[in-house]
Amino acid sequence: NNDEVDVGDENIIDEETSDQAELQRTPRSSGDDEDMIVIQEDAPGPSDSNRSVLFYGADHAAFHLPTNLEIREGVDYQCPVQDWTTEDDYYDDTERETCVWRPTDLLEVADINDYLSIALSCFNIEQDRAMFILQSSDYNIEEAKHQLAKRRIKKEPWNEEDTAIFKQALQTYGKHFNKIKQLDP
């Protein structure tokens, strides 16, 4: 029983075999291995109606692996590549630095030194931070002193009563400093 199946301009012969599966190779053109069509038949039996056919044609060239390891050229074998970017393209040109002090002619050096000594002695604020506050205040010393008072770091020594309250609270609450802070007057 020979059944001819017409696939485009190619003919594939499908023959029934007995007891074992068979592979047939039918050349499509001049006899190259790459131009073969493979048909696999299952052995006849209970699932005789379920024949599997493997077909590799020109339509599936992307999935067809070459046997002679040819170099693949052309539009079909190109992958998308992004445009080249230089290292300079990755960096943003905006400045990330913040000017903390710019000298000015609006104030005398003696006035600036007095302001810095007040910032350190009264408010315990370091020179660089105090200079930034002065610049942020448009070099207005009175405004800068007002800003220093807002940023004041308390470093007043504890008296005996505060020390006793802290010790008692520490024994009562342990290291729960939020509860201890609530007891501080």
N, C-alpha and C. Protein backbone atom coordinates (compact mmCIF):
# COMPACT_ATOMS: atom_id res chain seq x y z
N ASN A 1 0.83 -1.17 0.00
CA ASN A 1 0.00 0.00 0.00
C ASN A 1 0.88 1.24 0.00
N ASN A 2 0.97 1.95 -1.07
CA ASN A 2 1.74 3.19 -1.13
C ASN A 2 0.77 4.36 -1.24
N ASP A 3 0.89 5.32 -0.32
CA ASP A 3 0.10 6.54 -0.38
C ASP A 3 1.04 7.68 -0.70
N GLU A 4 0.73 8.46 -1.74
CA GLU A 4 1.56 9.61 -2.06
C GLU A 4 0.91 10.84 -1.46
N VAL A 5 1.72 11.64 -0.75
CA VAL A 5 1.25 12.88 -0.15
C VAL A 5 1.95 14.00 -0.89
N ASP A 6 1.18 14.95 -1.44
CA ASP A 6 1.76 16.05 -2.20
C ASP A 6 1.97 17.23 -1.26
N VAL A 7 3.22 17.67 -1.08
CA VAL A 7 3.56 18.81 -0.24
C VAL A 7 4.25 19.81 -1.14
N GLY A 8 3.52 20.77 -1.64
CA GLY A 8 4.10 21.76 -2.54
C GLY A 8 4.57 21.08 -3.80
N ASP A 9 5.88 21.24 -4.15
CA ASP A 9 6.41 20.58 -5.33
C ASP A 9 7.19 19.35 -4.93
N GLU A 10 6.99 18.81 -3.73
CA GLU A 10 7.72 17.63 -3.28
C GLU A 10 6.74 16.49 -3.05
N ASN A 11 7.17 15.29 -3.29
CA ASN A 11 6.35 14.12 -3.03
C ASN A 11 6.97 13.33 -1.91
N ILE A 12 6.17 12.94 -0.94
CA ILE A 12 6.64 12.12 0.18
C ILE A 12 5.90 10.81 0.10
N ILE A 13 6.63 9.72 0.12
CA ILE A 13 6.00 8.41 0.03
C ILE A 13 5.84 7.87 1.44
N ASP A 14 4.61 7.47 1.79
CA ASP A 14 4.30 6.95 3.11
C ASP A 14 3.97 5.48 2.95
N GLU A 15 4.82 4.62 3.46
CA GLU A 15 4.60 3.19 3.33
C GLU A 15 4.35 2.59 4.69
N GLU A 16 3.40 1.66 4.76
CA GLU A 16 3.15 0.96 6.02
C GLU A 16 4.20 -0.12 6.19
N THR A 17 4.67 -0.30 7.40
CA THR A 17 5.67 -1.34 7.69
C THR A 17 5.11 -2.25 8.75
N SER A 18 5.72 -3.37 8.93
CA SER A 18 5.22 -4.32 9.92
C SER A 18 6.15 -4.35 11.11
N ASP A 19 5.60 -4.44 12.31
CA ASP A 19 6.23 -4.68 13.59
C ASP A 19 7.30 -3.69 14.05
N GLN A 20 7.89 -2.85 13.24
CA GLN A 20 8.91 -1.93 13.75
C GLN A 20 8.78 -0.58 13.07
N ALA A 21 9.21 0.45 13.79
CA ALA A 21 9.16 1.80 13.24
C ALA A 21 10.30 1.96 12.25
N GLU A 22 10.04 2.74 11.22
CA GLU A 22 11.05 2.92 10.18
C GLU A 22 11.16 4.40 9.84
N LEU A 23 12.37 4.83 9.55
CA LEU A 23 12.61 6.20 9.12
C LEU A 23 12.89 6.18 7.64
N GLN A 24 12.28 7.10 6.91
CA GLN A 24 12.57 7.22 5.49
C GLN A 24 13.16 8.59 5.24
N ARG A 25 14.07 8.67 4.32
CA ARG A 25 14.61 9.95 3.90
C ARG A 25 14.30 10.10 2.42
N THR A 26 13.63 11.16 2.10
CA THR A 26 13.27 11.43 0.71
C THR A 26 13.94 12.72 0.30
N PRO A 27 14.83 12.69 -0.68
CA PRO A 27 15.50 13.93 -1.09
C PRO A 27 14.52 14.89 -1.73
N ARG A 28 14.68 16.19 -1.40
CA ARG A 28 13.83 17.22 -1.97
C ARG A 28 14.44 17.79 -3.23
N SER A 29 15.75 17.77 -3.31
CA SER A 29 16.38 18.34 -4.50
C SER A 29 17.57 17.50 -4.89
N SER A 30 18.72 18.09 -4.99
CA SER A 30 19.89 17.45 -5.60
C SER A 30 20.61 16.45 -4.72
N GLY A 31 20.10 16.07 -3.58
CA GLY A 31 20.72 15.01 -2.81
C GLY A 31 21.50 15.46 -1.60
N ASP A 32 21.48 16.73 -1.20
CA ASP A 32 22.16 17.16 0.02
C ASP A 32 21.44 16.60 1.24
N ASP A 33 22.21 16.32 2.31
CA ASP A 33 21.60 15.86 3.55
C ASP A 33 20.72 16.94 4.17
N GLU A 34 21.07 18.20 3.92
CA GLU A 34 20.31 19.29 4.50
C GLU A 34 18.92 19.41 3.89
N ASP A 35 18.75 18.88 2.71
CA ASP A 35 17.48 19.01 2.01
C ASP A 35 16.61 17.76 2.15
N MET A 36 16.78 17.02 3.22
CA MET A 36 16.02 15.79 3.41
C MET A 36 14.76 16.06 4.21
N ILE A 37 13.73 15.32 3.93
CA ILE A 37 12.50 15.34 4.69
C ILE A 37 12.42 14.01 5.42
N VAL A 38 12.20 14.06 6.73
CA VAL A 38 12.21 12.84 7.54
C VAL A 38 10.78 12.50 7.92
N ILE A 39 10.40 11.24 7.69
CA ILE A 39 9.08 10.75 8.08
C ILE A 39 9.30 9.61 9.06
N GLN A 40 8.65 9.68 10.19
CA GLN A 40 8.76 8.61 11.18
C GLN A 40 7.38 8.00 11.33
N GLU A 41 7.34 6.69 11.24
CA GLU A 41 6.06 6.00 11.39
C GLU A 41 6.11 5.15 12.64
N ASP A 42 5.01 5.13 13.34
CA ASP A 42 4.91 4.23 14.49
C ASP A 42 4.58 2.83 13.99
N ALA A 43 4.94 1.88 14.78
CA ALA A 43 4.62 0.49 14.43
C ALA A 43 3.12 0.30 14.48
N PRO A 44 2.56 -0.51 13.58
CA PRO A 44 1.12 -0.74 13.62
C PRO A 44 0.73 -1.45 14.90
N GLY A 45 -0.41 -1.19 15.40
CA GLY A 45 -0.86 -1.80 16.64
C GLY A 45 -2.11 -1.12 17.10
N PRO A 46 -2.38 -1.13 18.43
CA PRO A 46 -3.60 -0.54 18.94
C PRO A 46 -3.70 0.95 18.62
N SER A 47 -2.57 1.65 18.55
CA SER A 47 -2.60 3.08 18.25
C SER A 47 -2.22 3.33 16.80
N ASP A 48 -2.64 2.45 15.90
CA ASP A 48 -2.28 2.53 14.50
C ASP A 48 -2.77 3.83 13.86
N SER A 49 -3.83 4.41 14.40
CA SER A 49 -4.36 5.63 13.81
C SER A 49 -3.54 6.86 14.20
N ASN A 50 -2.69 6.74 15.24
CA ASN A 50 -1.88 7.86 15.70
C ASN A 50 -0.47 7.78 15.14
N ARG A 51 -0.28 8.19 13.93
CA ARG A 51 1.06 8.18 13.34
C ARG A 51 1.69 9.54 13.56
N SER A 52 2.95 9.55 13.94
CA SER A 52 3.63 10.83 14.10
C SER A 52 4.54 11.06 12.91
N VAL A 53 4.50 12.25 12.38
CA VAL A 53 5.31 12.59 11.22
C VAL A 53 6.17 13.78 11.59
N LEU A 54 7.49 13.63 11.46
CA LEU A 54 8.41 14.73 11.67
C LEU A 54 8.71 15.34 10.32
N PHE A 55 8.55 16.63 10.19
CA PHE A 55 8.75 17.27 8.90
C PHE A 55 9.63 18.49 9.09
N TYR A 56 10.73 18.55 8.39
CA TYR A 56 11.62 19.69 8.40
C TYR A 56 11.68 20.23 6.98
N GLY A 57 11.13 21.37 6.75
CA GLY A 57 11.12 21.93 5.41
C GLY A 57 11.77 23.29 5.40
N ALA A 58 11.71 23.95 4.28
CA ALA A 58 12.31 25.26 4.12
C ALA A 58 11.62 26.30 4.99
N ASP A 59 10.35 26.04 5.37
CA ASP A 59 9.62 26.98 6.21
C ASP A 59 10.20 27.05 7.62
N HIS A 60 10.90 26.03 8.04
CA HIS A 60 11.43 25.96 9.39
C HIS A 60 12.95 26.03 9.37
N ALA A 61 13.51 26.89 8.53
CA ALA A 61 14.97 26.98 8.38
C ALA A 61 15.65 27.42 9.66
N ALA A 62 14.97 28.21 10.49
CA ALA A 62 15.59 28.69 11.72
C ALA A 62 15.81 27.55 12.71
N PHE A 63 15.02 26.48 12.62
CA PHE A 63 15.15 25.36 13.53
C PHE A 63 15.97 24.22 12.94
N HIS A 64 16.37 24.34 11.71
CA HIS A 64 17.12 23.31 11.02
C HIS A 64 18.61 23.53 11.27
N LEU A 65 19.27 22.61 11.92
CA LEU A 65 20.69 22.74 12.22
C LEU A 65 21.50 22.24 11.04
N PRO A 66 22.50 22.99 10.62
CA PRO A 66 23.30 22.57 9.47
C PRO A 66 24.20 21.41 9.84
N THR A 67 24.40 20.51 8.89
CA THR A 67 25.29 19.37 9.15
C THR A 67 26.71 19.66 8.75
N ASN A 68 26.92 20.65 7.90
CA ASN A 68 28.28 20.95 7.47
C ASN A 68 28.83 22.21 8.15
N LEU A 69 28.18 22.69 9.21
CA LEU A 69 28.60 23.84 10.01
C LEU A 69 28.89 25.06 9.15
N GLU A 70 27.95 25.40 8.31
CA GLU A 70 28.09 26.55 7.44
C GLU A 70 27.93 27.84 8.25
N ILE A 71 28.49 28.93 7.74
CA ILE A 71 28.32 30.24 8.35
C ILE A 71 27.00 30.79 7.87
N ARG A 72 26.18 31.22 8.80
CA ARG A 72 24.85 31.71 8.45
C ARG A 72 24.91 33.22 8.30
N GLU A 73 24.59 33.70 7.14
CA GLU A 73 24.58 35.12 6.86
C GLU A 73 23.21 35.51 6.34
N GLY A 74 22.90 36.78 6.48
CA GLY A 74 21.66 37.28 5.93
C GLY A 74 20.72 37.79 6.99
N VAL A 75 19.62 38.34 6.54
CA VAL A 75 18.64 38.97 7.42
C VAL A 75 18.02 37.97 8.39
N ASP A 76 17.81 36.74 7.95
CA ASP A 76 17.16 35.74 8.80
C ASP A 76 18.00 35.34 10.01
N TYR A 77 19.30 35.57 9.96
CA TYR A 77 20.19 35.11 11.02
C TYR A 77 20.76 36.25 11.85
N GLN A 78 20.19 37.42 11.79
CA GLN A 78 20.69 38.56 12.54
C GLN A 78 19.94 38.70 13.85
N CYS A 79 20.65 39.12 14.89
CA CYS A 79 20.01 39.37 16.17
C CYS A 79 19.95 40.88 16.38
N PRO A 80 18.97 41.36 17.14
CA PRO A 80 18.89 42.81 17.37
C PRO A 80 19.99 43.25 18.33
N VAL A 81 20.69 44.32 17.97
CA VAL A 81 21.78 44.86 18.79
C VAL A 81 21.48 46.32 19.04
N GLN A 82 21.61 46.74 20.29
CA GLN A 82 21.37 48.14 20.63
C GLN A 82 22.51 49.00 20.12
N ASP A 83 22.22 50.28 19.94
CA ASP A 83 23.26 51.21 19.51
C ASP A 83 24.35 51.29 20.56
N TRP A 84 25.57 51.55 20.12
CA TRP A 84 26.72 51.65 21.01
C TRP A 84 26.59 52.89 21.87
N THR A 85 26.80 52.74 23.17
CA THR A 85 26.78 53.88 24.07
C THR A 85 28.14 53.98 24.73
N THR A 86 28.66 55.18 24.79
CA THR A 86 29.96 55.38 25.41
C THR A 86 29.78 55.54 26.91
N GLU A 87 30.88 55.53 27.61
CA GLU A 87 30.84 55.67 29.07
C GLU A 87 30.28 57.02 29.48
N ASP A 88 30.52 58.04 28.65
CA ASP A 88 30.03 59.38 28.95
C ASP A 88 28.50 59.45 28.95
N ASP A 89 27.85 58.59 28.18
CA ASP A 89 26.40 58.59 28.12
C ASP A 89 25.76 58.14 29.42
N TYR A 90 26.49 57.40 30.23
CA TYR A 90 25.93 56.87 31.48
C TYR A 90 25.94 57.90 32.61
N TYR A 91 26.81 58.88 32.51
CA TYR A 91 26.94 59.84 33.59
C TYR A 91 26.06 61.05 33.36
N ASP A 92 25.41 61.48 34.40
CA ASP A 92 24.55 62.65 34.34
C ASP A 92 25.42 63.89 34.52
N ASP A 93 25.12 64.93 33.77
CA ASP A 93 25.95 66.14 33.83
C ASP A 93 25.58 67.06 34.98
N THR A 94 24.51 66.77 35.70
CA THR A 94 24.13 67.65 36.80
C THR A 94 25.10 67.47 37.96
N GLU A 95 25.36 68.56 38.64
CA GLU A 95 26.27 68.51 39.78
C GLU A 95 25.52 67.98 41.00
N ARG A 96 26.16 67.11 41.71
CA ARG A 96 25.54 66.53 42.91
C ARG A 96 26.07 67.16 44.18
N GLU A 97 27.06 68.00 44.05
CA GLU A 97 27.64 68.63 45.23
C GLU A 97 26.75 69.76 45.72
N THR A 98 26.85 70.04 47.00
CA THR A 98 26.14 71.16 47.60
C THR A 98 27.17 72.08 48.21
N CYS A 99 27.10 73.32 47.82
CA CYS A 99 28.04 74.30 48.35
C CYS A 99 27.67 74.59 49.81
N VAL A 100 28.60 74.36 50.72
CA VAL A 100 28.32 74.61 52.13
C VAL A 100 28.88 75.95 52.59
N TRP A 101 29.78 76.51 51.82
CA TRP A 101 30.30 77.83 52.19
C TRP A 101 30.92 78.50 50.98
N ARG A 102 30.52 79.73 50.76
CA ARG A 102 31.11 80.55 49.70
C ARG A 102 31.49 81.87 50.36
N PRO A 103 32.76 82.21 50.34
CA PRO A 103 33.19 83.47 50.97
C PRO A 103 32.45 84.67 50.37
N THR A 104 32.25 85.67 51.21
CA THR A 104 31.51 86.85 50.77
C THR A 104 32.19 88.11 51.28
N ASP A 105 31.91 89.21 50.59
CA ASP A 105 32.42 90.51 51.03
C ASP A 105 31.41 91.24 51.90
N LEU A 106 30.25 90.62 52.14
CA LEU A 106 29.20 91.25 52.93
C LEU A 106 29.55 91.32 54.42
N LEU A 107 30.41 90.43 54.89
CA LEU A 107 30.75 90.37 56.32
C LEU A 107 32.26 90.51 56.50
N GLU A 108 32.62 91.07 57.63
CA GLU A 108 34.03 91.16 58.00
C GLU A 108 34.48 89.82 58.58
N VAL A 109 35.76 89.53 58.46
CA VAL A 109 36.31 88.28 58.98
C VAL A 109 36.10 88.19 60.49
N ALA A 110 36.23 89.31 61.21
CA ALA A 110 36.05 89.33 62.66
C ALA A 110 34.61 88.95 63.03
N ASP A 111 33.63 89.44 62.26
CA ASP A 111 32.22 89.11 62.53
C ASP A 111 31.96 87.62 62.32
N ILE A 112 32.57 87.07 61.28
CA ILE A 112 32.41 85.64 61.01
C ILE A 112 33.04 84.82 62.12
N ASN A 113 34.23 85.21 62.58
CA ASN A 113 34.89 84.48 63.66
C ASN A 113 34.09 84.55 64.95
N ASP A 114 33.50 85.72 65.26
CA ASP A 114 32.66 85.84 66.46
C ASP A 114 31.45 84.91 66.36
N TYR A 115 30.83 84.89 65.18
CA TYR A 115 29.66 84.02 64.96
C TYR A 115 30.05 82.55 65.15
N LEU A 116 31.20 82.15 64.62
CA LEU A 116 31.63 80.75 64.74
C LEU A 116 31.93 80.38 66.18
N SER A 117 32.53 81.30 66.95
CA SER A 117 32.82 80.98 68.35
C SER A 117 31.52 80.89 69.16
N ILE A 118 30.52 81.73 68.84
CA ILE A 118 29.21 81.63 69.52
C ILE A 118 28.55 80.29 69.17
N ALA A 119 28.63 79.89 67.89
CA ALA A 119 28.01 78.64 67.45
C ALA A 119 28.61 77.45 68.19
N LEU A 120 29.92 77.47 68.39
CA LEU A 120 30.57 76.34 69.07
C LEU A 120 30.36 76.38 70.57
N SER A 121 30.52 77.54 71.19
CA SER A 121 30.44 77.59 72.65
C SER A 121 29.01 77.52 73.17
N CYS A 122 28.09 78.21 72.55
CA CYS A 122 26.71 78.24 73.06
C CYS A 122 25.83 77.11 72.53
N PHE A 123 26.03 76.75 71.28
CA PHE A 123 25.12 75.79 70.65
C PHE A 123 25.78 74.46 70.32
N ASN A 124 27.06 74.35 70.55
CA ASN A 124 27.84 73.13 70.30
C ASN A 124 27.70 72.66 68.83
N ILE A 125 27.76 73.61 67.91
CA ILE A 125 27.66 73.30 66.49
C ILE A 125 29.03 73.56 65.86
N GLU A 126 29.51 72.58 65.12
CA GLU A 126 30.84 72.65 64.51
C GLU A 126 30.91 73.75 63.45
N GLN A 127 32.13 74.13 63.12
CA GLN A 127 32.38 75.25 62.22
C GLN A 127 31.77 75.06 60.83
N ASP A 128 31.94 73.90 60.22
CA ASP A 128 31.41 73.71 58.87
C ASP A 128 29.89 73.80 58.83
N ARG A 129 29.24 73.24 59.84
CA ARG A 129 27.77 73.30 59.90
C ARG A 129 27.32 74.74 60.15
N ALA A 130 28.01 75.45 61.01
CA ALA A 130 27.66 76.85 61.31
C ALA A 130 27.86 77.73 60.08
N MET A 131 28.90 77.48 59.31
CA MET A 131 29.13 78.26 58.09
C MET A 131 28.03 77.98 57.05
N PHE A 132 27.59 76.75 56.97
CA PHE A 132 26.49 76.42 56.05
C PHE A 132 25.21 77.14 56.46
N ILE A 133 24.94 77.19 57.75
CA ILE A 133 23.75 77.88 58.25
C ILE A 133 23.84 79.37 57.95
N LEU A 134 25.02 79.95 58.09
CA LEU A 134 25.21 81.37 57.79
C LEU A 134 24.98 81.64 56.29
N GLN A 135 25.50 80.79 55.44
CA GLN A 135 25.29 80.95 53.99
C GLN A 135 23.82 80.77 53.65
N SER A 136 23.15 79.80 54.27
CA SER A 136 21.73 79.56 54.01
C SER A 136 20.87 80.74 54.46
N SER A 137 21.36 81.50 55.41
CA SER A 137 20.64 82.67 55.93
C SER A 137 21.02 83.94 55.17
N ASP A 138 21.61 83.79 53.99
CA ASP A 138 22.06 84.92 53.16
C ASP A 138 23.01 85.84 53.91
N TYR A 139 23.88 85.25 54.69
CA TYR A 139 24.94 85.94 55.43
C TYR A 139 24.40 86.95 56.44
N ASN A 140 23.18 86.71 56.92
CA ASN A 140 22.59 87.52 57.97
C ASN A 140 22.90 86.85 59.30
N ILE A 141 23.76 87.46 60.10
CA ILE A 141 24.25 86.82 61.34
C ILE A 141 23.11 86.63 62.34
N GLU A 142 22.22 87.59 62.48
CA GLU A 142 21.11 87.46 63.43
C GLU A 142 20.19 86.30 63.03
N GLU A 143 19.89 86.19 61.74
CA GLU A 143 19.06 85.07 61.26
C GLU A 143 19.78 83.75 61.47
N ALA A 144 21.09 83.73 61.24
CA ALA A 144 21.88 82.51 61.41
C ALA A 144 21.89 82.09 62.88
N LYS A 145 21.99 83.05 63.81
CA LYS A 145 21.95 82.71 65.24
C LYS A 145 20.59 82.12 65.61
N HIS A 146 19.53 82.65 65.02
CA HIS A 146 18.19 82.11 65.26
C HIS A 146 18.11 80.66 64.76
N GLN A 147 18.69 80.39 63.60
CA GLN A 147 18.71 79.03 63.05
C GLN A 147 19.58 78.11 63.91
N LEU A 148 20.67 78.64 64.46
CA LEU A 148 21.52 77.84 65.36
C LEU A 148 20.74 77.40 66.59
N ALA A 149 19.91 78.29 67.12
CA ALA A 149 19.14 77.96 68.32
C ALA A 149 18.16 76.82 68.03
N LYS A 150 17.63 76.76 66.81
CA LYS A 150 16.73 75.66 66.45
C LYS A 150 17.46 74.33 66.39
N ARG A 151 18.72 74.38 66.03
CA ARG A 151 19.50 73.15 65.86
C ARG A 151 20.34 72.84 67.10
N ARG A 152 20.04 73.45 68.15
CA ARG A 152 20.84 73.32 69.36
C ARG A 152 20.91 71.87 69.83
N ILE A 153 22.08 71.49 70.23
CA ILE A 153 22.29 70.18 70.85
C ILE A 153 22.46 70.45 72.34
N LYS A 154 21.55 69.90 73.11
CA LYS A 154 21.61 70.14 74.56
C LYS A 154 22.76 69.35 75.16
N LYS A 155 23.60 70.05 75.86
CA LYS A 155 24.67 69.38 76.61
C LYS A 155 24.78 70.04 77.97
N GLU A 156 23.68 70.08 78.64
CA GLU A 156 23.70 70.64 79.99
C GLU A 156 23.99 69.51 80.96
N PRO A 157 24.82 69.75 81.94
CA PRO A 157 25.10 68.69 82.91
C PRO A 157 23.86 68.38 83.76
N TRP A 158 23.71 67.10 84.11
CA TRP A 158 22.57 66.70 84.92
C TRP A 158 22.83 67.06 86.38
N ASN A 159 21.79 67.49 87.04
CA ASN A 159 21.92 67.71 88.48
C ASN A 159 21.64 66.39 89.19
N GLU A 160 21.75 66.39 90.51
CA GLU A 160 21.59 65.15 91.28
C GLU A 160 20.18 64.59 91.16
N GLU A 161 19.18 65.45 91.09
CA GLU A 161 17.80 64.99 90.99
C GLU A 161 17.56 64.26 89.66
N ASP A 162 18.07 64.82 88.54
CA ASP A 162 17.92 64.18 87.23
C ASP A 162 18.63 62.83 87.20
N THR A 163 19.79 62.77 87.82
CA THR A 163 20.55 61.52 87.85
C THR A 163 19.80 60.46 88.65
N ALA A 164 19.22 60.83 89.78
CA ALA A 164 18.46 59.88 90.61
C ALA A 164 17.22 59.38 89.87
N ILE A 165 16.52 60.28 89.16
CA ILE A 165 15.33 59.88 88.39
C ILE A 165 15.72 58.89 87.30
N PHE A 166 16.83 59.17 86.62
CA PHE A 166 17.28 58.28 85.54
C PHE A 166 17.63 56.90 86.09
N LYS A 167 18.36 56.85 87.21
CA LYS A 167 18.75 55.56 87.79
C LYS A 167 17.52 54.76 88.19
N GLN A 168 16.53 55.41 88.82
CA GLN A 168 15.31 54.74 89.24
C GLN A 168 14.53 54.21 88.03
N ALA A 169 14.43 55.03 86.98
CA ALA A 169 13.70 54.63 85.77
C ALA A 169 14.42 53.49 85.06
N LEU A 170 15.74 53.51 85.08
CA LEU A 170 16.52 52.45 84.44
C LEU A 170 16.30 51.12 85.15
N GLN A 171 16.23 51.15 86.49
CA GLN A 171 15.97 49.92 87.24
C GLN A 171 14.53 49.44 87.00
N THR A 172 13.60 50.37 86.85
CA THR A 172 12.19 50.01 86.67
C THR A 172 11.90 49.51 85.25
N TYR A 173 12.33 50.28 84.25
CA TYR A 173 11.98 49.99 82.85
C TYR A 173 13.08 49.30 82.06
N GLY A 174 14.24 49.17 82.62
CA GLY A 174 15.35 48.54 81.89
C GLY A 174 15.79 49.44 80.74
N LYS A 175 15.98 48.84 79.56
CA LYS A 175 16.48 49.61 78.42
C LYS A 175 15.36 50.16 77.53
N HIS A 176 14.18 50.33 78.07
CA HIS A 176 13.08 50.92 77.33
C HIS A 176 13.17 52.44 77.50
N PHE A 177 14.02 53.06 76.67
CA PHE A 177 14.33 54.47 76.85
C PHE A 177 13.16 55.38 76.48
N ASN A 178 12.23 54.90 75.67
CA ASN A 178 11.05 55.72 75.38
C ASN A 178 10.24 55.96 76.65
N LYS A 179 10.13 54.94 77.49
CA LYS A 179 9.40 55.10 78.75
C LYS A 179 10.19 55.97 79.73
N ILE A 180 11.51 55.82 79.71
CA ILE A 180 12.35 56.63 80.60
C ILE A 180 12.26 58.10 80.19
N LYS A 181 12.23 58.36 78.88
CA LYS A 181 12.17 59.73 78.38
C LYS A 181 10.89 60.43 78.82
N GLN A 182 9.80 59.66 78.98
CA GLN A 182 8.53 60.25 79.41
C GLN A 182 8.62 60.76 80.85
N LEU A 183 9.50 60.20 81.65
CA LEU A 183 9.65 60.64 83.04
C LEU A 183 10.52 61.89 83.16
N ASP A 184 11.29 62.20 82.13
CA ASP A 184 12.20 63.35 82.17
C ASP A 184 11.39 64.64 82.10
N PRO A 185 11.59 65.55 83.08
CA PRO A 185 10.79 66.79 83.09
C PRO A 185 11.17 67.77 82.00
